[in-house]
Protein backbone atom coordinates (compact mmCIF):
# COMPACT_ATOMS: atom_id res chain seq x y z
CA MET A 1 -5.84 -8.21 9.26
CA LEU A 2 -4.96 -11.79 8.57
CA PHE A 3 -8.21 -12.71 6.74
CA SER A 4 -8.88 -9.34 5.17
CA LYS A 5 -10.64 -9.28 1.68
CA ASP A 6 -8.15 -6.68 0.26
CA ILE A 7 -5.06 -8.93 0.50
CA PRO A 8 -3.68 -9.21 -3.05
CA ALA A 9 -3.21 -12.76 -4.49
CA ARG A 10 0.54 -13.78 -4.63
CA CYS A 11 2.10 -17.18 -5.11
CA ILE A 12 4.20 -16.72 -2.03
CA TRP A 13 1.00 -17.02 0.05
CA CYS A 14 -0.68 -19.85 -1.83
CA LYS A 15 -1.24 -23.27 -0.27
CA ASN A 16 -0.17 -24.95 -3.51
CA GLY A 17 3.41 -23.58 -3.42
CA GLU A 18 6.60 -23.76 -1.42
CA ALA A 19 8.91 -20.75 -1.16
CA MET A 20 12.56 -20.91 -2.35
CA ASP A 21 15.46 -18.87 -1.11
CA ASP A 22 15.67 -16.65 -4.24
CA GLY A 23 12.06 -15.15 -3.98
CA ARG A 24 10.53 -17.74 -6.32
CA VAL A 25 7.96 -20.41 -5.47
CA ILE A 26 7.68 -24.01 -6.51
CA CYS A 27 4.09 -24.41 -7.56
CA ARG A 28 2.46 -27.79 -7.54
CA PHE A 29 0.85 -27.03 -10.89
CA ARG A 30 3.22 -24.73 -12.72
CA GLY A 31 6.67 -25.52 -11.32
CA PRO A 32 9.01 -22.52 -10.44
CA VAL A 33 7.28 -19.21 -10.60
CA PRO A 34 7.81 -15.67 -9.23
CA GLY A 35 6.61 -15.10 -5.73
CA GLU A 36 4.53 -12.02 -6.80
CA GLY A 37 2.61 -13.94 -9.48
CA LYS A 38 -0.79 -15.61 -9.27
CA CYS A 39 -2.88 -18.15 -11.18
CA ARG A 40 -6.43 -19.61 -11.32
CA LYS A 41 -5.42 -22.33 -8.80
CA TYR A 42 -4.55 -19.68 -6.14
CA ALA A 43 -5.68 -20.64 -2.60
CA TYR A 44 -4.78 -18.37 0.22
CA ASP A 45 -2.98 -19.94 3.17
CA PRO A 46 -2.96 -17.51 6.15
CA TYR A 47 -0.09 -19.39 7.87
CA LYS A 48 2.34 -18.38 5.09
CA ARG A 49 1.66 -14.71 5.38
CA ILE A 50 3.49 -12.51 7.88
CA PRO A 51 1.34 -9.37 8.39
CA PRO A 52 3.09 -6.07 8.70
CA ALA A 53 4.14 -4.96 12.20
CA LYS A 54 2.10 -2.40 13.98
CA THR A 55 4.01 0.74 14.96
CA GLY A 56 3.38 2.16 18.37
CA PRO A 57 3.90 5.61 19.67
CA LYS A 58 7.37 7.08 19.63
CA MET A 59 9.04 7.09 23.01
CA PRO A 60 11.38 9.92 23.94
CA SER A 61 15.02 8.82 24.22
CA LEU A 62 16.34 9.17 27.79
CA PRO A 63 20.00 9.59 28.59
CA LEU A 64 21.40 6.45 30.22
CA THR A 65 24.14 6.96 32.64
CA LEU A 66 25.86 4.75 35.26
CA GLU A 67 26.52 6.79 38.31
CA ASP A 68 28.52 5.71 41.36
CA ASP A 69 26.30 5.98 44.45
CA GLY A 70 29.18 5.43 46.86
CA ASP A 71 29.48 2.16 48.84
CA ARG A 72 25.81 1.03 48.55
CA ILE A 73 25.53 -2.71 48.44
């Protein structure tokens, strides 16, 4: 759920921060902070969060073979 109430607060999802390549966030108020942190200025931005992918049912693997059907065109 994108707007679920049980989403933990993390700086990486805050609208006041921008993610860096090394897992840290540049916070508007605190400067560079760890992405897993949080503060009192936390404001959730749903566009920064990528929800976990849903897994579907397992499909049986089928053998793939290329067979020559003669001179069919």
